[in-house]
Amino acid sequence: MPTKFNTNINGGNATVFNTAGNVTFKAGGRSRSKIAYPQRSIGADLDRRNYIRYLVERYNQFRQADSSFGRTGARFSYAFIFKRIEAEFKAPTYFIPVEHFEELVAYLQGRIDQTILGKRNAARGQRNYETFDEYQSTHGRGAAA
């Protein structure tokens, strides 16, 4: 009698076993290994990387708020800002050299300020984001726990 095999597929994982249960083959999905950021890149500097992440999150929050002000358009995408940064700076966000940190910060702050919520806050005298020094003092490695 030929051996009968059963297959169970769950997400990216597949398991093959015979009816006796003694043959098992598991093939998992691809595992992503972490890429080390190059030295002297924004990604290699924890404080600068976290501040850029903070500004990107602020931008996405402000862009999402734009839809509540009646701005319509294409579907909202969190990846949009990363694609814009890559087009502007010719490198993925966290691979940009540290020497361009101030330029990247100014770019992101300008994008935040140009959102509807950013403009409203400016008109009311409200700030849209913390400066890098303020962020470091409250969130950086040197901040009190």
Protein backbone atom coordinates (compact mmCIF):
# COMPACT_ATOMS: atom_id res chain seq x y z
CA MET A 1 0.00 0.00 0.00
CA PRO A 2 1.49 3.37 -0.97
CA THR A 3 2.30 5.82 1.81
CA LYS A 4 -0.19 8.62 2.11
CA PHE A 5 1.08 12.10 2.93
CA ASN A 6 -0.85 14.99 4.37
CA THR A 7 0.12 18.62 3.97
CA ASN A 8 -0.69 21.44 6.34
CA ILE A 9 -0.04 25.00 5.20
CA ASN A 10 -0.26 27.80 7.75
CA GLY A 11 0.83 31.22 6.53
CA GLY A 12 4.38 30.91 5.24
CA ASN A 13 4.96 27.55 6.96
CA ALA A 14 4.27 24.15 5.40
CA THR A 15 4.37 20.81 7.18
CA VAL A 16 4.32 17.46 5.36
CA PHE A 17 3.76 14.23 7.30
CA ASN A 18 2.66 10.67 6.57
CA THR A 19 -0.35 9.03 8.18
CA ALA A 20 1.90 7.23 10.64
CA GLY A 21 3.20 10.61 11.73
CA ASN A 22 6.86 9.67 11.54
CA VAL A 23 8.01 11.81 8.59
CA THR A 24 7.97 15.56 9.06
CA PHE A 25 9.26 18.27 6.78
CA LYS A 26 8.91 21.91 7.73
CA ALA A 27 9.68 24.76 5.38
CA GLY A 28 9.39 28.15 6.93
CA GLY A 29 9.22 31.51 5.28
CA ARG A 30 12.29 33.59 4.62
CA SER A 31 13.93 34.95 7.71
CA ARG A 32 15.21 38.47 7.46
CA SER A 33 18.59 39.10 8.87
CA LYS A 34 19.22 42.54 10.27
CA ILE A 35 21.34 44.76 8.11
CA ALA A 36 24.03 46.64 9.97
CA TYR A 37 24.00 50.32 9.15
CA PRO A 38 27.26 51.70 7.78
CA GLN A 39 29.47 53.65 10.16
CA ARG A 40 28.83 57.38 10.05
CA SER A 41 25.24 56.82 8.82
CA ILE A 42 22.16 58.11 10.63
CA GLY A 43 21.09 54.52 11.33
CA ALA A 44 24.34 53.79 13.16
CA ASP A 45 23.73 56.72 15.57
CA LEU A 46 20.94 55.66 17.92
CA ASP A 47 19.96 59.18 19.04
CA ARG A 48 19.82 60.57 15.51
CA ARG A 49 18.00 57.51 14.17
CA ASN A 50 15.39 57.76 16.90
CA TYR A 51 14.89 61.49 16.29
CA ILE A 52 14.36 60.87 12.57
CA ARG A 53 11.89 58.11 13.45
CA TYR A 54 10.11 60.57 15.78
CA LEU A 55 9.84 63.17 12.98
CA VAL A 56 8.57 60.56 10.50
CA GLU A 57 5.91 59.47 13.01
CA ARG A 58 4.92 63.13 13.58
CA TYR A 59 4.65 63.63 9.82
CA ASN A 60 2.46 60.55 9.43
CA GLN A 61 0.22 61.68 12.31
CA PHE A 62 -0.16 65.11 10.75
CA ARG A 63 -0.83 63.63 7.29
CA GLN A 64 -3.50 61.36 8.74
CA ALA A 65 -5.09 64.38 10.40
CA ASP A 66 -5.23 66.12 7.00
CA SER A 67 -7.95 63.69 5.92
CA SER A 68 -10.16 64.88 8.79
CA PHE A 69 -9.83 68.44 7.43
CA GLY A 70 -11.40 67.33 4.18
CA ARG A 71 -8.24 66.86 2.12
CA THR A 72 -8.96 64.05 -0.26
CA GLY A 73 -6.63 62.24 -2.55
CA ALA A 74 -4.82 58.99 -2.92
CA ARG A 75 -4.81 56.45 -0.15
CA PHE A 76 -2.63 57.33 2.85
CA SER A 77 0.67 55.44 2.90
CA TYR A 78 3.17 55.36 5.76
CA ALA A 79 5.90 54.37 3.29
CA PHE A 80 5.35 57.54 1.22
CA ILE A 81 7.68 59.71 3.31
CA PHE A 82 10.48 57.13 3.16
CA LYS A 83 10.18 57.02 -0.64
CA ARG A 84 10.27 60.84 -0.80
CA ILE A 85 13.37 60.94 1.43
CA GLU A 86 15.08 58.31 -0.72
CA ALA A 87 14.27 60.30 -3.89
CA GLU A 88 15.50 63.55 -2.33
CA PHE A 89 18.68 62.25 -0.64
CA LYS A 90 19.49 59.37 -3.04
CA ALA A 91 19.77 56.86 -0.19
CA PRO A 92 17.43 54.96 2.14
CA THR A 93 16.54 57.05 5.20
CA TYR A 94 18.77 55.44 7.81
CA PHE A 95 21.68 54.98 5.38
CA ILE A 96 22.05 58.72 4.83
CA PRO A 97 25.44 59.96 6.12
CA VAL A 98 25.43 61.74 9.49
CA GLU A 99 26.81 64.84 7.76
CA HIS A 100 23.35 65.29 6.17
CA PHE A 101 21.43 64.90 9.43
CA GLU A 102 20.59 68.61 9.79
CA GLU A 103 19.47 68.75 6.17
CA LEU A 104 17.22 65.70 6.67
CA VAL A 105 15.78 67.19 9.87
CA ALA A 106 15.02 70.46 8.07
CA TYR A 107 13.39 68.50 5.23
CA LEU A 108 11.13 66.52 7.59
CA GLN A 109 10.27 69.55 9.71
CA GLY A 110 9.35 71.43 6.52
CA ARG A 111 7.10 68.56 5.42
CA ILE A 112 5.39 68.56 8.83
CA ASP A 113 4.95 72.35 8.74
CA GLN A 114 3.32 72.14 5.28
CA THR A 115 0.52 69.83 6.41
CA ILE A 116 -2.85 71.41 7.19
CA LEU A 117 -2.46 70.65 10.90
CA GLY A 118 1.09 72.02 10.82
CA LYS A 119 -0.13 75.28 9.31
CA ARG A 120 -2.98 75.53 11.83
CA ASN A 121 -0.61 74.96 14.74
CA ALA A 122 1.75 77.63 13.41
CA ALA A 123 -1.11 80.10 13.12
CA ARG A 124 -2.04 79.38 16.75
CA GLY A 125 1.55 79.63 17.94
CA GLN A 126 1.74 75.91 18.76
CA ARG A 127 4.85 73.89 18.00
CA ASN A 128 4.68 70.89 15.70
CA TYR A 129 7.69 68.95 17.03
CA GLU A 130 10.53 68.99 19.54
CA THR A 131 14.00 70.12 18.53
CA PHE A 132 16.76 67.51 18.47
CA ASP A 133 18.23 68.85 21.73
CA GLU A 134 14.82 68.73 23.44
CA TYR A 135 14.21 65.24 22.14
CA GLN A 136 17.62 64.08 23.37
CA SER A 137 17.05 65.51 26.84
CA THR A 138 13.70 63.71 27.21
CA HIS A 139 14.21 60.54 25.14
CA GLY A 140 17.93 60.17 24.50
CA ARG A 141 20.33 57.78 26.17
CA GLY A 142 21.38 60.53 28.57
CA ALA A 143 17.81 61.16 29.74
CA ALA A 144 16.84 60.20 33.26
CA ALA A 145 14.96 56.91 33.46
